[in-house]
Amino acid sequence: MPEIRKTIVVGFNLHGEIILDKNNNPETMPVPNNYIVKLNVVAPGVPNISTFENYNDLGNITSNLVSKNNWLNDSMISAMLQENYKSKMLQFVTELKEQFIDENKNNVKGVENEYFKRKNNEPFKHEQNFIYNVDSMYKISEFNKGDLITNKLFYKFTQEQLEESGAEEEYNTGFNKIVLYNFADDGVIYDVFTMLGPEYQYITLFQLIELLTGMGVENLILVDLSCAVFSDKLSSRNVRNLRRRINATNTYGGTIKKKNKNIKNKKLMKTKKYRKNRRKLRNRKI
């Protein structure tokens, strides 16, 4: 029986949606694991436009980097989780991000070229959304036990849908899967859907975390190449507002923007000055 690793790398190489509740708020839950590091290729509300070849290449990059980092195969228990180990996980994701940016630049450039070619002929909205948010790609987030994390739904395309998209099965080695790169000590790269059986065509992030935690996994490196569109149809304005809200809470990815104190102080000075002038005008004798 293969021994399951305590820290594993998970690749989400399929379609994804951020789940919203009835009030159009993203579903969140406290992290049950010791530590999670997450690399999001796209920001909330944005589709990931890519090719099957690109998914294959990014998957190979992840697999190669996992094999080079022998510490990922340590049979470590939770009591041994130290800051230097967290730093290793973060360093791994940072290096992966740099390699992704280099590998993915031609793909991004290709989408930009296609978009600007038909910009005057009603370009596709998902292309526009992708291009306008290129600067928000490759965000890294850290989650400790008890921190809130945003839920996502991941589901597979059918074989018919893949064939309609031009994906030949023999060349499609990386797409339409949730990959466990170092799940056990047998050296096998597992696909979650293959493990669960053919009747499973979708799974949420919450369900996957609970599944892996129940198997003894304590720390996760999540490499999310999926889309991050919202489960309900929203206006462009509502998408932007919701993206800002999610980023502000840091439950999905990105960093919380700190307010510029100088700007705040200038506004405060203007307010005080305005009030002072108002008092003068009010008390002025005519």
Protein backbone atom coordinates (compact mmCIF):
# COMPACT_ATOMS: atom_id res chain seq x y z
CA MET A 1 0.00 0.00 0.00
CA PRO A 2 1.58 3.33 -1.06
CA GLU A 3 2.23 5.87 1.67
CA ILE A 4 0.32 9.12 1.14
CA ARG A 5 2.41 12.27 1.40
CA LYS A 6 1.73 14.86 4.07
CA THR A 7 2.35 17.75 1.66
CA ILE A 8 1.11 17.40 -1.91
CA VAL A 9 0.95 19.52 -5.06
CA VAL A 10 -2.45 19.68 -6.78
CA GLY A 11 -2.92 20.96 -10.33
CA PHE A 12 -6.36 22.16 -11.48
CA ASN A 13 -6.19 21.79 -15.26
CA LEU A 14 -9.85 22.09 -16.24
CA HIS A 15 -12.80 24.49 -16.11
CA GLY A 16 -13.53 26.28 -12.84
CA GLU A 17 -16.19 28.60 -11.44
CA ILE A 18 -16.32 30.58 -8.20
CA ILE A 19 -19.50 29.51 -6.41
CA LEU A 20 -21.85 32.29 -5.28
CA ASP A 21 -24.65 31.96 -2.75
CA LYS A 22 -28.18 33.30 -3.20
CA ASN A 23 -26.97 36.79 -2.25
CA ASN A 24 -24.17 36.65 -4.84
CA ASN A 25 -21.49 36.35 -2.17
CA PRO A 26 -18.68 33.81 -2.68
CA GLU A 27 -18.86 30.68 -0.55
CA THR A 28 -16.02 30.45 1.97
CA MET A 29 -14.93 27.97 4.62
CA PRO A 30 -12.17 27.81 7.26
CA VAL A 31 -9.08 25.92 6.11
CA PRO A 32 -8.85 22.57 7.96
CA ASN A 33 -5.23 21.96 6.91
CA ASN A 34 -2.11 23.26 8.57
CA TYR A 35 -1.05 25.35 5.60
CA ILE A 36 -2.09 26.01 2.00
CA VAL A 37 -0.24 27.97 -0.69
CA LYS A 38 -2.28 28.75 -3.80
CA LEU A 39 -1.17 30.01 -7.22
CA ASN A 40 -4.05 31.48 -9.24
CA VAL A 41 -3.30 31.96 -12.93
CA VAL A 42 -6.26 34.36 -13.35
CA ALA A 43 -8.09 36.77 -11.05
CA PRO A 44 -11.67 36.30 -9.77
CA GLY A 45 -14.26 36.73 -12.51
CA VAL A 46 -11.76 36.10 -15.31
CA PRO A 47 -11.60 33.13 -17.75
CA ASN A 48 -8.28 31.46 -18.48
CA ILE A 49 -7.89 31.39 -22.26
CA SER A 50 -5.30 28.84 -23.24
CA THR A 51 -4.53 25.95 -25.59
CA PHE A 52 -4.30 22.23 -24.91
CA GLU A 53 -0.60 22.39 -25.76
CA ASN A 54 -0.15 25.18 -23.23
CA TYR A 55 -1.88 23.14 -20.52
CA ASN A 56 0.41 20.21 -21.34
CA ASP A 57 3.50 22.41 -21.11
CA LEU A 58 2.52 24.01 -17.81
CA GLY A 59 1.70 20.58 -16.40
CA ASN A 60 5.13 19.30 -17.44
CA ILE A 61 6.80 22.31 -15.81
CA THR A 62 4.97 21.57 -12.55
CA SER A 63 5.82 17.88 -12.69
CA ASN A 64 9.52 18.57 -13.34
CA LEU A 65 9.74 21.09 -10.51
CA VAL A 66 8.08 18.64 -8.10
CA SER A 67 10.62 15.94 -9.00
CA LYS A 68 13.51 18.36 -8.41
CA ASN A 69 12.30 19.26 -4.91
CA ASN A 70 13.02 16.14 -2.90
CA TRP A 71 11.71 17.73 0.31
CA LEU A 72 8.18 17.31 -1.09
CA ASN A 73 8.62 13.59 -0.45
CA ASP A 74 9.35 14.05 3.26
CA SER A 75 7.03 11.99 5.43
CA MET A 76 6.50 14.92 7.78
CA ILE A 77 3.97 15.10 10.58
CA SER A 78 2.11 18.23 11.59
CA ALA A 79 4.15 18.75 14.77
CA MET A 80 7.24 19.22 12.61
CA LEU A 81 5.73 21.99 10.49
CA GLN A 82 8.16 24.87 10.93
CA GLU A 83 8.43 28.28 9.33
CA ASN A 84 11.35 27.14 7.16
CA TYR A 85 9.10 24.44 5.70
CA LYS A 86 6.44 27.03 4.91
CA SER A 87 9.16 29.09 3.27
CA LYS A 88 10.07 26.10 1.09
CA MET A 89 6.47 25.76 -0.05
CA LEU A 90 6.24 29.45 -0.83
CA GLN A 91 9.59 29.39 -2.63
CA PHE A 92 8.40 26.44 -4.73
CA VAL A 93 5.27 28.33 -5.83
CA THR A 94 7.27 31.51 -6.51
CA GLU A 95 9.67 29.59 -8.76
CA LEU A 96 6.74 27.89 -10.48
CA LYS A 97 5.13 31.29 -11.07
CA GLU A 98 8.28 32.62 -12.75
CA GLN A 99 8.46 29.60 -15.05
CA PHE A 100 4.75 29.90 -15.87
CA ILE A 101 5.11 33.56 -16.83
CA ASP A 102 7.99 32.74 -19.16
CA GLU A 103 6.22 29.76 -20.73
CA ASN A 104 2.83 31.46 -20.99
CA LYS A 105 3.92 34.79 -22.52
CA ASN A 106 3.44 33.58 -26.10
CA ASN A 107 -0.03 32.28 -25.27
CA VAL A 108 -1.02 35.61 -23.70
CA LYS A 109 0.42 37.50 -26.66
CA GLY A 110 -1.58 35.31 -29.04
CA VAL A 111 -4.84 36.08 -27.21
CA GLU A 112 -4.00 39.80 -27.29
CA ASN A 113 -3.35 39.69 -31.04
CA GLU A 114 -6.64 37.89 -31.72
CA TYR A 115 -8.51 40.36 -29.54
CA PHE A 116 -7.14 43.49 -31.19
CA LYS A 117 -7.68 42.03 -34.66
CA ARG A 118 -11.43 41.93 -34.14
CA LYS A 119 -11.75 44.73 -31.60
CA ASN A 120 -13.82 46.77 -34.05
CA ASN A 121 -15.95 43.75 -34.94
CA GLU A 122 -17.50 43.00 -31.56
CA PRO A 123 -14.74 40.94 -29.89
CA PHE A 124 -15.69 38.13 -27.56
CA LYS A 125 -16.35 39.38 -24.04
CA HIS A 126 -14.28 36.62 -22.43
CA GLU A 127 -11.26 37.64 -24.50
CA GLN A 128 -11.75 41.25 -23.47
CA ASN A 129 -12.07 40.21 -19.82
CA PHE A 130 -8.87 38.17 -20.05
CA ILE A 131 -6.85 40.94 -21.76
CA TYR A 132 -8.01 43.67 -19.37
CA ASN A 133 -6.85 41.58 -16.38
CA VAL A 134 -3.47 40.30 -17.59
CA ASP A 135 -1.71 42.35 -14.90
CA SER A 136 -3.67 40.44 -12.24
CA MET A 137 -2.42 37.00 -13.33
CA TYR A 138 -0.25 34.66 -11.23
CA LYS A 139 -1.27 35.79 -7.74
CA ILE A 140 -0.01 33.79 -4.77
CA SER A 141 -2.00 33.39 -1.55
CA GLU A 142 -1.19 31.75 1.77
CA PHE A 143 -3.75 30.20 4.12
CA ASN A 144 -3.13 28.98 7.63
CA LYS A 145 -5.45 26.71 9.56
CA GLY A 146 -8.72 28.54 10.24
CA ASP A 147 -8.28 31.16 7.50
CA LEU A 148 -11.20 31.53 5.11
CA ILE A 149 -10.77 30.23 1.56
CA THR A 150 -13.12 30.74 -1.41
CA ASN A 151 -14.92 27.74 -2.87
CA LYS A 152 -14.78 26.78 -6.55
CA LEU A 153 -16.53 24.23 -8.72
CA PHE A 154 -14.35 22.22 -11.09
CA TYR A 155 -15.91 20.08 -13.79
CA LYS A 156 -14.78 18.02 -16.72
CA PHE A 157 -15.74 18.56 -20.33
CA THR A 158 -17.28 15.56 -22.06
CA GLN A 159 -15.36 13.74 -24.75
CA GLU A 160 -17.73 15.18 -27.35
CA GLN A 161 -17.02 18.72 -26.12
CA LEU A 162 -13.28 18.08 -26.28
CA GLU A 163 -13.52 16.74 -29.82
CA GLU A 164 -15.56 19.79 -30.87
CA SER A 165 -12.76 21.95 -29.47
CA GLY A 166 -10.20 20.09 -31.58
CA ALA A 167 -8.51 18.18 -28.76
CA GLU A 168 -7.06 14.88 -29.93
CA GLU A 169 -6.91 12.45 -27.03
CA GLU A 170 -3.36 11.28 -27.74
CA TYR A 171 -2.05 14.86 -27.52
CA ASN A 172 -4.21 15.96 -24.60
CA THR A 173 -2.13 14.78 -21.66
CA GLY A 174 -2.68 17.66 -19.23
CA PHE A 175 -6.15 19.17 -19.70
CA ASN A 176 -9.48 18.18 -18.13
CA LYS A 177 -7.87 16.79 -14.98
CA ILE A 178 -7.15 17.52 -11.33
CA VAL A 179 -3.62 16.26 -10.97
CA LEU A 180 -1.96 15.01 -7.77
CA TYR A 181 1.71 15.32 -8.63
CA ASN A 182 3.22 13.67 -5.53
CA PHE A 183 0.27 11.99 -3.87
CA ALA A 184 2.10 8.88 -2.68
CA ASP A 185 5.54 7.28 -2.53
CA ASP A 186 4.85 5.07 -5.57
CA GLY A 187 5.91 7.85 -7.98
CA VAL A 188 2.56 7.81 -9.83
CA ILE A 189 0.90 11.08 -10.93
CA TYR A 190 -2.79 10.61 -10.14
CA ASP A 191 -5.91 12.21 -11.61
CA VAL A 192 -8.61 12.80 -8.99
CA PHE A 193 -11.47 11.88 -11.35
CA THR A 194 -9.78 8.61 -12.33
CA MET A 195 -9.40 7.77 -8.63
CA LEU A 196 -13.05 8.56 -7.89
CA GLY A 197 -14.50 6.73 -10.88
CA PRO A 198 -16.30 7.63 -14.15
CA GLU A 199 -19.51 8.67 -12.40
CA TYR A 200 -17.72 11.73 -10.97
CA GLN A 201 -17.55 14.60 -13.45
CA TYR A 202 -17.25 17.53 -11.06
CA ILE A 203 -15.98 18.37 -7.59
CA THR A 204 -15.74 21.50 -5.45
CA LEU A 205 -12.58 22.80 -3.81
CA PHE A 206 -14.17 22.25 -0.39
CA GLN A 207 -14.93 18.62 -1.22
CA LEU A 208 -11.40 18.02 -2.51
CA ILE A 209 -9.77 19.58 0.55
CA GLU A 210 -11.98 17.50 2.86
CA LEU A 211 -11.22 14.36 0.83
CA LEU A 212 -7.45 14.85 0.97
CA THR A 213 -7.51 15.91 4.62
CA GLY A 214 -9.42 12.74 5.45
CA MET A 215 -6.64 10.75 3.77
CA GLY A 216 -4.03 12.32 6.04
CA VAL A 217 -2.79 15.18 3.83
CA GLU A 218 -1.83 18.14 6.01
CA ASN A 219 -0.39 20.78 3.67
CA LEU A 220 -1.40 21.71 0.12
CA ILE A 221 0.18 23.52 -2.79
CA LEU A 222 -2.69 24.39 -5.14
CA VAL A 223 -1.78 25.26 -8.74
CA ASP A 224 -4.99 26.62 -10.24
CA LEU A 225 -4.93 26.89 -14.05
CA SER A 226 -8.72 26.89 -14.28
CA CYS A 227 -11.07 29.73 -15.15
CA ALA A 228 -12.31 31.85 -12.25
CA VAL A 229 -15.63 33.01 -13.70
CA PHE A 230 -18.60 33.36 -11.37
CA SER A 231 -21.27 30.68 -11.20
CA ASP A 232 -24.09 33.21 -11.81
CA LYS A 233 -24.34 35.62 -14.71
CA LEU A 234 -23.44 39.11 -13.52
CA SER A 235 -23.03 42.46 -15.24
CA SER A 236 -19.49 43.63 -15.97
CA ARG A 237 -19.82 46.23 -13.23
CA ASN A 238 -20.95 43.66 -10.65
CA VAL A 239 -18.08 41.35 -11.67
CA ARG A 240 -15.56 44.14 -11.06
CA ASN A 241 -17.13 45.02 -7.70
CA LEU A 242 -17.18 41.39 -6.60
CA ARG A 243 -13.56 40.94 -7.71
CA ARG A 244 -12.50 43.89 -5.58
CA ARG A 245 -14.41 42.53 -2.58
CA ILE A 246 -12.86 39.08 -2.89
CA ASN A 247 -9.36 40.49 -3.28
CA ALA A 248 -9.87 42.75 -0.26
CA THR A 249 -10.68 39.74 1.94
CA ASN A 250 -7.78 37.72 0.49
CA THR A 251 -9.90 34.54 0.52
CA TYR A 252 -9.08 33.76 -3.12
CA GLY A 253 -5.81 35.35 -4.16
CA GLY A 254 -3.87 38.57 -4.42
CA THR A 255 -2.88 41.05 -1.76
CA ILE A 256 -4.82 43.58 0.23
CA LYS A 257 -4.06 47.06 -1.02
CA LYS A 258 -2.88 49.40 1.69
CA LYS A 259 -4.22 52.91 1.66
CA ASN A 260 -1.73 55.67 1.02
CA LYS A 261 -1.53 57.62 4.29
CA ASN A 262 -0.38 60.78 2.52
CA ILE A 263 -3.48 60.77 0.31
CA LYS A 264 -5.67 60.10 3.33
CA ASN A 265 -4.06 62.96 5.27
CA LYS A 266 -4.49 65.33 2.32
CA LYS A 267 -8.18 64.48 2.15
CA LEU A 268 -8.47 65.02 5.89
CA MET A 269 -6.74 68.42 5.63
CA LYS A 270 -9.09 69.41 2.83
CA THR A 271 -12.05 68.38 4.94
CA LYS A 272 -10.86 70.35 7.97
CA LYS A 273 -10.09 73.38 5.81
CA TYR A 274 -13.50 73.14 4.19
CA ARG A 275 -15.24 72.99 7.55
CA LYS A 276 -13.23 75.95 8.83
CA ASN A 277 -14.18 78.02 5.79
CA ARG A 278 -17.80 77.05 6.22
CA ARG A 279 -17.76 78.32 9.80
CA LYS A 280 -16.22 81.61 8.66
CA LEU A 281 -18.87 82.07 5.99
CA ARG A 282 -21.64 81.17 8.41
CA ASN A 283 -20.43 83.66 11.01
CA ARG A 284 -19.66 86.38 8.51
CA LYS A 285 -21.69 89.54 9.01
CA ILE A 286 -23.38 91.00 5.94
